[in-house]
PDB file of N, CA and C in Angstrom:
ATOM      1  N   MET A   1       0.848  -1.177   0.000  1.00  0.00           N
ATOM      2  CA  MET A   1       0.000   0.000   0.000  1.00  0.00           C
ATOM      3  C   MET A   1       0.897   1.245   0.000  1.00  0.00           C
ATOM      4  N   ALA A   2       0.726   2.087  -0.987  1.00  0.00           N
ATOM      5  CA  ALA A   2       1.530   3.308  -1.079  1.00  0.00           C
ATOM      6  C   ALA A   2       0.857   4.424  -0.291  1.00  0.00           C
ATOM      7  N   LEU A   3       1.655   5.152   0.449  1.00  0.00           N
ATOM      8  CA  LEU A   3       1.140   6.271   1.236  1.00  0.00           C
ATOM      9  C   LEU A   3       1.278   7.565   0.449  1.00  0.00           C
ATOM     10  N   SER A   4       0.361   8.464   0.703  1.00  0.00           N
ATOM     11  CA  SER A   4       0.463   9.788   0.093  1.00  0.00           C
ATOM     12  C   SER A   4       1.526  10.586   0.864  1.00  0.00           C
ATOM     13  N   TYR A   5       1.874  11.728   0.326  1.00  0.00           N
ATOM     14  CA  TYR A   5       2.867  12.587   0.973  1.00  0.00           C
ATOM     15  C   TYR A   5       2.403  12.990   2.369  1.00  0.00           C
ATOM     16  N   GLU A   6       1.134  13.362   2.487  1.00  0.00           N
ATOM     17  CA  GLU A   6       0.589  13.789   3.776  1.00  0.00           C
ATOM     18  C   GLU A   6       0.614  12.642   4.792  1.00  0.00           C
ATOM     19  N   GLU A   7       0.312  11.415   4.328  1.00  0.00           N
ATOM     20  CA  GLU A   7       0.322  10.269   5.231  1.00  0.00           C
ATOM     21  C   GLU A   7       1.736   9.960   5.719  1.00  0.00           C
ATOM     22  N   VAL A   8       2.711  10.019   4.822  1.00  0.00           N
ATOM     23  CA  VAL A   8       4.100   9.792   5.222  1.00  0.00           C
ATOM     24  C   VAL A   8       4.527  10.855   6.223  1.00  0.00           C
ATOM     25  N   LEU A   9       4.177  12.095   5.941  1.00  0.00           N
ATOM     26  CA  LEU A   9       4.514  13.200   6.845  1.00  0.00           C
ATOM     27  C   LEU A   9       3.883  12.987   8.216  1.00  0.00           C
ATOM     28  N   ASP A  10       2.634  12.552   8.233  1.00  0.00           N
ATOM     29  CA  ASP A  10       1.943  12.284   9.501  1.00  0.00           C
ATOM     30  C   ASP A  10       2.665  11.180  10.268  1.00  0.00           C
ATOM     31  N   HIS A  11       3.073  10.109   9.596  1.00  0.00           N
ATOM     32  CA  HIS A  11       3.792   9.021  10.253  1.00  0.00           C
ATOM     33  C   HIS A  11       5.102   9.527  10.866  1.00  0.00           C
ATOM     34  N   ILE A  12       5.817  10.361  10.143  1.00  0.00           N
ATOM     35  CA  ILE A  12       7.112  10.855  10.620  1.00  0.00           C
ATOM     36  C   ILE A  12       6.919  11.805  11.804  1.00  0.00           C
ATOM     37  N   VAL A  13       5.980  12.737  11.675  1.00  0.00           N
ATOM     38  CA  VAL A  13       5.760  13.727  12.727  1.00  0.00           C
ATOM     39  C   VAL A  13       5.272  13.061  14.013  1.00  0.00           C
ATOM     40  N   ASN A  14       4.416  12.065  13.879  1.00  0.00           N
ATOM     41  CA  ASN A  14       3.833  11.407  15.052  1.00  0.00           C
ATOM     42  C   ASN A  14       4.613  10.165  15.482  1.00  0.00           C
ATOM     43  N   ASN A  15       5.803   9.995  14.930  1.00  0.00           N
ATOM     44  CA  ASN A  15       6.696   8.905  15.294  1.00  0.00           C
ATOM     45  C   ASN A  15       6.052   7.526  15.109  1.00  0.00           C
ATOM     46  N   LYS A  16       5.266   7.385  14.031  1.00  0.00           N
ATOM     47  CA  LYS A  16       4.673   6.096  13.681  1.00  0.00           C
ATOM     48  C   LYS A  16       5.608   5.390  12.699  1.00  0.00           C
ATOM     49  N   PRO A  17       5.616   4.063  12.697  1.00  0.00           N
ATOM     50  CA  PRO A  17       6.452   3.358  11.720  1.00  0.00           C
ATOM     51  C   PRO A  17       5.911   3.558  10.301  1.00  0.00           C
ATOM     52  N   VAL A  18       6.797   3.813   9.396  1.00  0.00           N
ATOM     53  CA  VAL A  18       6.412   4.012   7.996  1.00  0.00           C
ATOM     54  C   VAL A  18       6.489   2.655   7.293  1.00  0.00           C
ATOM     55  N   PRO A  19       5.354   2.167   6.747  1.00  0.00           N
ATOM     56  CA  PRO A  19       5.402   0.866   6.065  1.00  0.00           C
ATOM     57  C   PRO A  19       6.262   0.952   4.801  1.00  0.00           C
ATOM     58  N   MET A  20       7.107  -0.059   4.634  1.00  0.00           N
ATOM     59  CA  MET A  20       8.007  -0.101   3.476  1.00  0.00           C
ATOM     60  C   MET A  20       7.663  -1.310   2.631  1.00  0.00           C
ATOM     61  N   GLU A  21       7.825  -1.160   1.337  1.00  0.00           N
ATOM     62  CA  GLU A  21       7.637  -2.284   0.426  1.00  0.00           C
ATOM     63  C   GLU A  21       8.946  -3.043   0.313  1.00  0.00           C
ATOM     64  N   ASP A  22       8.846  -4.350   0.123  1.00  0.00           N
ATOM     65  CA  ASP A  22      10.033  -5.180  -0.045  1.00  0.00           C
ATOM     66  C   ASP A  22      10.516  -5.044  -1.485  1.00  0.00           C
ATOM     67  N   VAL A  23      11.706  -4.515  -1.652  1.00  0.00           N
ATOM     68  CA  VAL A  23      12.299  -4.335  -2.984  1.00  0.00           C
ATOM     69  C   VAL A  23      13.434  -5.332  -3.124  1.00  0.00           C
ATOM     70  N   PRO A  24      13.334  -6.229  -4.109  1.00  0.00           N
ATOM     71  CA  PRO A  24      14.399  -7.225  -4.260  1.00  0.00           C
ATOM     72  C   PRO A  24      15.734  -6.578  -4.638  1.00  0.00           C
ATOM     73  N   ASP A  25      16.808  -7.129  -4.117  1.00  0.00           N
ATOM     74  CA  ASP A  25      18.145  -6.608  -4.373  1.00  0.00           C
ATOM     75  C   ASP A  25      18.778  -7.406  -5.515  1.00  0.00           C
ATOM     76  N   ILE A  26      18.402  -7.063  -6.751  1.00  0.00           N
ATOM     77  CA  ILE A  26      18.932  -7.767  -7.917  1.00  0.00           C
ATOM     78  C   ILE A  26      19.502  -6.771  -8.917  1.00  0.00           C
ATOM     79  N   THR A  27      20.409  -7.265  -9.744  1.00  0.00           N
ATOM     80  CA  THR A  27      20.960  -6.478 -10.837  1.00  0.00           C
ATOM     81  C   THR A  27      20.587  -7.180 -12.131  1.00  0.00           C
ATOM     82  N   LEU A  28      19.999  -6.465 -13.072  1.00  0.00           N
ATOM     83  CA  LEU A  28      19.527  -7.085 -14.301  1.00  0.00           C
ATOM     84  C   LEU A  28      20.651  -7.436 -15.256  1.00  0.00           C
ATOM     85  N   GLU A  29      21.702  -6.667 -15.279  1.00  0.00           N
ATOM     86  CA  GLU A  29      22.832  -6.971 -16.148  1.00  0.00           C
ATOM     87  C   GLU A  29      24.127  -6.549 -15.471  1.00  0.00           C
ATOM     88  N   GLU A  30      25.191  -7.137 -15.921  1.00  0.00           N
ATOM     89  CA  GLU A  30      26.491  -6.806 -15.362  1.00  0.00           C
ATOM     90  C   GLU A  30      26.864  -5.372 -15.752  1.00  0.00           C
ATOM     91  N   PRO A  31      27.383  -4.605 -14.833  1.00  0.00           N
ATOM     92  CA  PRO A  31      27.837  -3.254 -15.201  1.00  0.00           C
ATOM     93  C   PRO A  31      29.024  -3.329 -16.149  1.00  0.00           C
ATOM     94  N   LYS A  32      29.060  -2.414 -17.082  1.00  0.00           N
ATOM     95  CA  LYS A  32      30.154  -2.384 -18.056  1.00  0.00           C
ATOM     96  C   LYS A  32      31.279  -1.511 -17.527  1.00  0.00           C
ATOM     97  N   ASP A  33      32.494  -1.905 -17.836  1.00  0.00           N
ATOM     98  CA  ASP A  33      33.599  -1.036 -17.457  1.00  0.00           C
ATOM     99  C   ASP A  33      33.762   0.038 -18.538  1.00  0.00           C
ATOM    100  N   SER A  34      34.523   1.032 -18.262  1.00  0.00           N
ATOM    101  CA  SER A  34      34.627   2.195 -19.146  1.00  0.00           C
ATOM    102  C   SER A  34      35.180   1.841 -20.528  1.00  0.00           C
ATOM    103  N   GLU A  35      35.968   0.772 -20.638  1.00  0.00           N
ATOM    104  CA  GLU A  35      36.523   0.396 -21.940  1.00  0.00           C
ATOM    105  C   GLU A  35      35.464  -0.224 -22.843  1.00  0.00           C
ATOM    106  N   GLN A  36      34.446  -0.870 -22.266  1.00  0.00           N
ATOM    107  CA  GLN A  36      33.407  -1.516 -23.054  1.00  0.00           C
ATOM    108  C   GLN A  36      32.292  -0.557 -23.455  1.00  0.00           C
ATOM    109  N   MET A  37      32.159   0.539 -22.746  1.00  0.00           N
ATOM    110  CA  MET A  37      31.059   1.460 -23.000  1.00  0.00           C
ATOM    111  C   MET A  37      31.334   2.309 -24.233  1.00  0.00           C
ATOM    112  N   GLU A  38      30.295   2.487 -25.042  1.00  0.00           N
ATOM    113  CA  GLU A  38      30.411   3.366 -26.199  1.00  0.00           C
ATOM    114  C   GLU A  38      30.119   4.798 -25.754  1.00  0.00           C
ATOM    115  N   MET A  39      30.840   5.720 -26.339  1.00  0.00           N
ATOM    116  CA  MET A  39      30.585   7.117 -26.023  1.00  0.00           C
ATOM    117  C   MET A  39      29.311   7.556 -26.742  1.00  0.00           C
ATOM    118  N   LYS A  40      28.372   8.114 -25.990  1.00  0.00           N
ATOM    119  CA  LYS A  40      27.153   8.621 -26.605  1.00  0.00           C
ATOM    120  C   LYS A  40      27.454   9.991 -27.207  1.00  0.00           C
ATOM    121  N   LEU A  41      26.939  10.193 -28.409  1.00  0.00           N
ATOM    122  CA  LEU A  41      27.128  11.488 -29.048  1.00  0.00           C
ATOM    123  C   LEU A  41      26.183  12.503 -28.442  1.00  0.00           C
ATOM    124  N   LYS A  42      26.643  13.713 -28.357  1.00  0.00           N
ATOM    125  CA  LYS A  42      25.808  14.803 -27.874  1.00  0.00           C
ATOM    126  C   LYS A  42      24.883  15.232 -29.008  1.00  0.00           C
ATOM    127  N   PRO A  43      23.736  15.809 -28.694  1.00  0.00           N
ATOM    128  CA  PRO A  43      22.763  16.146 -29.744  1.00  0.00           C
ATOM    129  C   PRO A  43      23.348  16.982 -30.881  1.00  0.00           C
ATOM    130  N   TRP A  44      24.226  17.933 -30.559  1.00  0.00           N
ATOM    131  CA  TRP A  44      24.781  18.766 -31.631  1.00  0.00           C
ATOM    132  C   TRP A  44      25.779  17.974 -32.479  1.00  0.00           C
ATOM    133  N   GLN A  45      26.369  16.931 -31.938  1.00  0.00           N
ATOM    134  CA  GLN A  45      27.276  16.099 -32.730  1.00  0.00           C
ATOM    135  C   GLN A  45      26.495  15.228 -33.700  1.00  0.00           C
ATOM    136  N   VAL A  46      25.384  14.676 -33.258  1.00  0.00           N
ATOM    137  CA  VAL A  46      24.543  13.846 -34.123  1.00  0.00           C
ATOM    138  C   VAL A  46      23.972  14.705 -35.240  1.00  0.00           C
ATOM    139  N   LYS A  47      23.479  15.865 -34.900  1.00  0.00           N
ATOM    140  CA  LYS A  47      22.872  16.761 -35.881  1.00  0.00           C
ATOM    141  C   LYS A  47      23.900  17.211 -36.913  1.00  0.00           C
ATOM    142  N   SER A  48      25.106  17.569 -36.472  1.00  0.00           N
ATOM    143  CA  SER A  48      26.113  18.064 -37.412  1.00  0.00           C
ATOM    144  C   SER A  48      26.546  16.958 -38.364  1.00  0.00           C
ATOM    145  N   GLU A  49      26.643  15.727 -37.874  1.00  0.00           N
ATOM    146  CA  GLU A  49      27.005  14.628 -38.766  1.00  0.00           C
ATOM    147  C   GLU A  49      25.916  14.425 -39.812  1.00  0.00           C
ATOM    148  N   THR A  50      24.658  14.506 -39.394  1.00  0.00           N
ATOM    149  CA  THR A  50      23.546  14.339 -40.322  1.00  0.00           C
ATOM    150  C   THR A  50      23.551  15.460 -41.353  1.00  0.00           C
ATOM    151  N   VAL A  51      23.783  16.686 -40.906  1.00  0.00           N
ATOM    152  CA  VAL A  51      23.814  17.830 -41.821  1.00  0.00           C
ATOM    153  C   VAL A  51      24.973  17.688 -42.796  1.00  0.00           C
ATOM    154  N   ASP A  52      26.152  17.272 -42.322  1.00  0.00           N
ATOM    155  CA  ASP A  52      27.298  17.107 -43.203  1.00  0.00           C
ATOM    156  C   ASP A  52      27.013  16.099 -44.293  1.00  0.00           C
ATOM    157  N   VAL A  53      26.420  14.972 -43.934  1.00  0.00           N
ATOM    158  CA  VAL A  53      26.112  13.938 -44.919  1.00  0.00           C
ATOM    159  C   VAL A  53      25.080  14.465 -45.902  1.00  0.00           C
ATOM    160  N   THR A  54      24.066  15.136 -45.412  1.00  0.00           N
ATOM    161  CA  THR A  54      23.019  15.671 -46.274  1.00  0.00           C
ATOM    162  C   THR A  54      23.589  16.734 -47.211  1.00  0.00           C
ATOM    163  N   THR A  55      24.426  17.606 -46.703  1.00  0.00           N
ATOM    164  CA  THR A  55      25.038  18.642 -47.522  1.00  0.00           C
ATOM    165  C   THR A  55      25.933  18.028 -48.582  1.00  0.00           C
ATOM    166  N   GLU A  56      26.702  17.018 -48.197  1.00  0.00           N
ATOM    167  CA  GLU A  56      27.582  16.346 -49.151  1.00  0.00           C
ATOM    168  C   GLU A  56      26.766  15.670 -50.246  1.00  0.00           C
ATOM    169  N   ASP A  57      25.685  14.993 -49.857  1.00  0.00           N
ATOM    170  CA  ASP A  57      24.824  14.333 -50.839  1.00  0.00           C
ATOM    171  C   ASP A  57      24.185  15.353 -51.777  1.00  0.00           C
ATOM    172  N   ALA A  58      23.736  16.479 -51.235  1.00  0.00           N
ATOM    173  CA  ALA A  58      23.105  17.509 -52.052  1.00  0.00           C
ATOM    174  C   ALA A  58      24.113  18.106 -53.033  1.00  0.00           C
ATOM    175  N   SER A  59      25.341  18.336 -52.593  1.00  0.00           N
ATOM    176  CA  SER A  59      26.378  18.875 -53.468  1.00  0.00           C
ATOM    177  C   SER A  59      26.690  17.912 -54.600  1.00  0.00           C
ATOM    178  N   LEU A  60      26.782  16.646 -54.281  1.00  0.00           N
ATOM    179  CA  LEU A  60      27.056  15.629 -55.287  1.00  0.00           C
ATOM    180  C   LEU A  60      25.915  15.562 -56.302  1.00  0.00           C
ATOM    181  N   GLN A  61      24.674  15.617 -55.804  1.00  0.00           N
ATOM    182  CA  GLN A  61      23.515  15.580 -56.694  1.00  0.00           C
ATOM    183  C   GLN A  61      23.498  16.809 -57.606  1.00  0.00           C
ATOM    184  N   MET A  62      23.816  17.979 -57.057  1.00  0.00           N
ATOM    185  CA  MET A  62      23.832  19.201 -57.855  1.00  0.00           C
ATOM    186  C   MET A  62      24.900  19.110 -58.945  1.00  0.00           C
ATOM    187  N   LYS A  63      26.078  18.598 -58.604  1.00  0.00           N
ATOM    188  CA  LYS A  63      27.158  18.456 -59.576  1.00  0.00           C
ATOM    189  C   LYS A  63      26.732  17.515 -60.701  1.00  0.00           C
ATOM    190  N   ASN A  64      26.123  16.392 -60.334  1.00  0.00           N
ATOM    191  CA  ASN A  64      25.657  15.443 -61.350  1.00  0.00           C
ATOM    192  C   ASN A  64      24.604  16.063 -62.256  1.00  0.00           C
ATOM    193  N   ASP A  65      23.668  16.819 -61.686  1.00  0.00           N
ATOM    194  CA  ASP A  65      22.631  17.480 -62.476  1.00  0.00           C
ATOM    195  C   ASP A  65      23.245  18.483 -63.455  1.00  0.00           C
ATOM    196  N   MET A  66      24.222  19.264 -62.981  1.00  0.00           N
ATOM    197  CA  MET A  66      24.865  20.260 -63.842  1.00  0.00           C
ATOM    198  C   MET A  66      25.621  19.587 -64.991  1.00  0.00           C
ATOM    199  N   GLU A  67      26.309  18.487 -64.684  1.00  0.00           N
ATOM    200  CA  GLU A  67      27.035  17.764 -65.731  1.00  0.00           C
ATOM    201  C   GLU A  67      26.077  17.193 -66.773  1.00  0.00           C
ATOM    202  N   GLN A  68      24.931  16.695 -66.337  1.00  0.00           N
ATOM    203  CA  GLN A  68      23.935  16.163 -67.264  1.00  0.00           C
ATOM    204  C   GLN A  68      23.377  17.274 -68.154  1.00  0.00           C
ATOM    205  N   GLU A  69      23.071  18.425 -67.556  1.00  0.00           N
ATOM    206  CA  GLU A  69      22.554  19.555 -68.336  1.00  0.00           C
ATOM    207  C   GLU A  69      23.580  20.041 -69.356  1.00  0.00           C
ATOM    208  N   LEU A  70      24.843  20.121 -68.955  1.00  0.00           N
ATOM    209  CA  LEU A  70      25.899  20.565 -69.857  1.00  0.00           C
ATOM    210  C   LEU A  70      26.075  19.567 -71.002  1.00  0.00           C
ATOM    211  N   SER A  71      26.061  18.299 -70.675  1.00  0.00           N
ATOM    212  CA  SER A  71      26.199  17.259 -71.692  1.00  0.00           C
ATOM    213  C   SER A  71      25.036  17.322 -72.675  1.00  0.00           C
ATOM    214  N   LYS A  72      23.835  17.501 -72.173  1.00  0.00           N
ATOM    215  CA  LYS A  72      22.639  17.594 -73.021  1.00  0.00           C
ATOM    216  C   LYS A  72      22.725  18.812 -73.944  1.00  0.00           C
ATOM    217  N   ALA A  73      23.151  19.943 -73.384  1.00  0.00           N
ATOM    218  CA  ALA A  73      23.248  21.164 -74.169  1.00  0.00           C
ATOM    219  C   ALA A  73      24.307  21.029 -75.264  1.00  0.00           C
ATOM    220  N   MET A  74      25.426  20.379 -74.935  1.00  0.00           N
ATOM    221  CA  MET A  74      26.492  20.208 -75.935  1.00  0.00           C
ATOM    222  C   MET A  74      26.040  19.265 -77.052  1.00  0.00           C
ATOM    223  N   LYS A  75      25.265  18.255 -76.745  1.00  0.00           N
ATOM    224  CA  LYS A  75      24.754  17.346 -77.757  1.00  0.00           C
ATOM    225  C   LYS A  75      23.791  18.061 -78.695  1.00  0.00           C
ATOM    226  N   GLU A  76      23.030  18.995 -78.171  1.00  0.00           N
ATOM    227  CA  GLU A  76      22.057  19.726 -78.965  1.00  0.00           C
ATOM    228  C   GLU A  76      22.720  20.879 -79.715  1.00  0.00           C
ATOM    229  N   GLY A  77      23.996  21.094 -79.490  1.00  0.00           N
ATOM    230  CA  GLY A  77      24.723  22.134 -80.197  1.00  0.00           C
ATOM    231  C   GLY A  77      24.608  23.491 -79.554  1.00  0.00           C
ATOM    232  N   LEU A  78      24.187  23.547 -78.295  1.00  0.00           N
ATOM    233  CA  LEU A  78      24.102  24.831 -77.599  1.00  0.00           C
ATOM    234  C   LEU A  78      25.399  25.025 -76.812  1.00  0.00           C
ATOM    235  N   HIS A  79      26.239  25.906 -77.322  1.00  0.00           N
ATOM    236  CA  HIS A  79      27.546  26.101 -76.685  1.00  0.00           C
ATOM    237  C   HIS A  79      27.576  27.281 -75.722  1.00  0.00           C
ATOM    238  N   ASP A  80      26.561  28.131 -75.756  1.00  0.00           N
ATOM    239  CA  ASP A  80      26.515  29.297 -74.869  1.00  0.00           C
ATOM    240  C   ASP A  80      25.701  28.969 -73.625  1.00  0.00           C
ATOM    241  N   VAL A  81      26.147  27.993 -72.881  1.00  0.00           N
ATOM    242  CA  VAL A  81      25.443  27.581 -71.671  1.00  0.00           C
ATOM    243  C   VAL A  81      26.059  28.283 -70.472  1.00  0.00           C
ATOM    244  N   GLU A  82      25.226  28.882 -69.655  1.00  0.00           N
ATOM    245  CA  GLU A  82      25.728  29.573 -68.459  1.00  0.00           C
ATOM    246  C   GLU A  82      25.356  28.783 -67.239  1.00  0.00           C
TER     247      GLU A  82
END
């Protein structure tokens, strides 16, 4: 049975025993030592990596598009391409 804050306070003030729940003393997994743990990236590190990849992909796509347009224009005989 869980006590409310007021009930716990009443028990403490009036020197009554506070009922406690039995909590088992178990560990679900072995703790890892610092050499086994992976470093978690900070939010700005994750975001910057994502932006870098996206920017790189966009630049590559733009370059490919420009090369295709230039090739198409040269095939059609349009040499004044800007």
